[in-house]
Protein backbone atom coordinates (compact mmCIF):
# COMPACT_ATOMS: atom_id res chain seq x y z
CA MET A 1 99.32 196.51 137.99
CA SER A 2 98.83 195.99 133.89
CA GLU A 3 98.58 192.87 132.37
CA GLU A 4 100.49 191.77 129.66
CA PRO A 5 99.19 192.03 125.85
CA LYS A 6 98.57 188.21 124.74
CA LYS A 7 100.67 187.54 121.80
CA PRO A 8 98.68 186.64 119.01
CA ARG A 9 99.19 182.96 118.53
CA LYS A 10 101.01 181.68 115.16
CA LYS A 11 98.91 180.31 112.69
CA ARG A 12 99.58 176.91 111.74
CA GLU A 13 99.45 176.09 108.13
CA LYS A 14 97.39 173.63 107.26
CA LYS A 15 98.17 170.12 105.79
CA GLY A 16 96.35 168.63 103.15
CA LYS A 17 94.63 169.59 99.42
CA GLU A 18 91.24 171.89 99.61
CA THR A 19 88.45 170.74 97.43
CA ASN A 20 86.03 173.06 95.58
CA SER A 21 83.88 173.58 98.60
CA GLY A 22 86.70 174.25 100.65
CA GLN A 23 86.98 171.20 102.22
CA LEU A 24 90.70 169.89 103.35
CA PHE A 25 91.69 166.56 102.84
CA HIS A 26 94.83 165.88 104.76
CA THR A 27 97.55 163.73 102.94
CA ARG A 28 99.73 161.93 104.78
CA LYS A 29 102.60 160.65 104.00
CA HIS A 30 101.58 156.88 106.13
CA ALA A 31 97.99 155.76 106.62
CA ARG A 32 97.41 155.77 110.47
CA VAL A 33 95.50 153.35 111.97
CA THR A 34 93.71 154.39 115.68
CA LEU A 35 95.38 152.88 118.65
CA GLN A 36 95.05 153.04 122.30
CA MET A 37 97.99 151.76 124.24
CA ASP A 38 100.26 153.07 126.83
CA VAL A 39 103.13 155.17 125.82
CA GLU A 40 105.95 156.22 127.94
CA TYR A 41 108.38 159.19 126.79
CA ASN A 42 110.96 161.21 128.64
CA ILE A 43 111.01 164.74 129.54
CA GLY A 44 114.63 165.62 130.79
CA GLU A 45 115.65 162.42 132.68
CA GLN A 46 111.87 161.66 133.77
CA PHE A 47 109.81 159.38 131.87
CA GLU A 48 106.04 160.77 131.40
CA LYS A 49 103.19 158.17 130.71
CA GLY A 50 100.81 158.98 127.66
CA VAL A 51 98.18 157.09 125.67
CA SER A 52 98.48 156.80 121.80
CA TYR A 53 95.55 157.65 120.11
CA ASN A 54 97.18 156.68 116.37
CA ILE A 55 100.24 155.10 114.85
CA SER A 56 101.83 154.57 111.37
CA ARG A 57 104.80 153.80 110.11
CA GLY A 58 105.78 157.37 110.32
CA GLY A 59 105.07 158.24 113.78
CA ILE A 60 102.23 158.44 116.91
CA PHE A 61 100.32 160.46 118.18
CA ILE A 62 100.42 160.64 122.10
CA GLU A 63 97.38 162.07 124.05
CA SER A 64 98.72 163.77 127.19
CA ASP A 65 98.75 167.33 128.89
CA LYS A 66 102.49 167.26 129.37
CA THR A 67 103.93 167.81 126.13
CA LEU A 68 106.96 168.77 124.84
CA PRO A 69 107.89 171.52 122.51
CA GLU A 70 107.50 171.20 118.66
CA GLY A 71 110.67 170.21 117.52
CA GLU A 72 112.37 168.37 120.68
CA THR A 73 113.41 165.16 120.48
CA THR A 74 112.33 162.06 122.92
CA THR A 75 112.79 158.40 123.81
CA LEU A 76 109.28 156.29 123.47
CA ARG A 77 108.65 153.15 124.63
CA PHE A 78 105.82 151.34 124.22
CA VAL A 79 104.96 147.42 123.77
CA LEU A 80 104.36 146.16 120.76
CA ASP A 81 104.08 142.29 121.94
CA ALA A 82 103.74 141.24 124.89
CA GLU A 83 105.89 138.58 124.89
CA GLN A 84 109.18 140.93 124.12
CA ALA A 85 110.53 144.16 126.12
CA PRO A 86 109.26 147.52 125.46
CA VAL A 87 109.99 148.66 121.96
CA GLU A 88 112.24 151.87 122.51
CA ILE A 89 112.39 154.53 119.50
CA LYS A 90 113.75 158.08 119.35
CA GLY A 91 111.06 160.81 118.33
CA ARG A 92 110.63 163.85 117.06
CA VAL A 93 107.94 166.14 118.33
CA ALA A 94 106.46 167.12 115.01
CA TRP A 95 103.11 169.46 116.43
CA VAL A 96 101.71 170.17 120.00
CA ARG A 97 97.81 170.46 120.22
CA ARG A 98 97.41 172.10 123.86
CA GLU A 99 93.41 171.50 124.20
CA GLU A 100 90.85 169.16 123.04
CA GLY A 101 89.21 170.81 120.04
CA LYS A 102 85.89 170.45 119.27
CA SER A 103 84.79 169.53 115.53
CA LEU A 104 83.34 167.07 113.67
CA VAL A 105 85.17 164.45 115.84
CA GLU A 106 86.73 165.26 119.37
CA HIS A 107 90.64 165.68 119.04
CA PRO A 108 92.51 165.37 122.46
CA ALA A 109 95.46 167.13 123.85
CA GLY A 110 98.82 165.77 122.90
CA MET A 111 101.32 165.53 120.51
CA GLY A 112 102.30 164.07 117.73
CA VAL A 113 105.40 162.59 117.55
CA GLU A 114 107.39 161.63 114.72
CA PHE A 115 109.65 158.56 114.21
CA ILE A 116 113.82 158.33 114.07
CA TYR A 117 114.43 155.26 112.93
CA ASP A 118 118.40 154.27 114.54
CA ASP A 119 118.12 150.98 112.36
CA GLU A 120 116.20 148.96 110.08
CA LYS A 121 115.56 146.60 112.60
CA SER A 122 113.31 149.07 114.70
CA ARG A 123 111.74 150.27 111.47
CA ASN A 124 110.76 147.17 110.28
CA LEU A 125 109.52 146.16 113.53
CA VAL A 126 107.07 148.93 113.67
CA SER A 127 105.96 148.71 110.23
CA GLY A 128 105.28 145.13 110.73
CA PHE A 129 103.37 145.94 113.52
CA VAL A 130 101.39 148.49 111.64
CA ARG A 131 100.67 146.25 108.86
CA ASP A 132 99.15 143.75 111.01
CA LEU A 133 97.06 146.32 112.40
CA PHE A 134 95.84 147.14 109.08
CA ASP A 135 95.19 143.49 108.32
CA LEU A 136 93.51 142.90 111.45
CA LEU A 137 90.92 145.68 110.74
CA ARG A 138 90.65 144.40 106.86
CA ILE A 139 89.85 141.00 108.55
CA MET A 140 87.20 142.33 111.29
CA ALA A 141 85.17 144.42 108.20
CA ILE A 142 85.23 141.45 105.95
CA ALA A 143 83.78 139.12 108.88
CA GLU A 144 81.14 141.87 110.04
CA LYS A 145 79.87 142.35 106.51
CA HIS A 146 79.64 138.52 105.55
CA ARG A 147 77.76 138.47 109.08
CA LYS A 148 75.29 141.01 108.32
CA ASP A 149 74.86 139.85 104.86
CA HIS A 150 73.68 136.40 106.26
């Protein structure tokens, strides 16, 4: 039996701006904040579990070996407030990383999912949550600087 030749991988176009030194700086529509929380997403009729790596107003990266193909839609469930029911938001898989990549930082396997908001209520809920995370990070940075200065 002869093995089938491997198909060349489709090169993904890098998003961002290149500097004179050739470095690539990502230009994203929404700022991301690192956050690890449980996230469920459906593959067919079954919900799988993953862990968020980061979140923005526009989407979320989910660490998982079980990914959907790019362009596929899914329903996401995650808790933004421990006193409330989990939030359900539709999403579209924007990109997939099949294995951990090694560079200056570790990049886990998983998928980037763009939120598809059905209404302003869910958009405002996620936007407010992300804004609150950024506010908390700023407060922590100020407190740490104050602690070091004294």
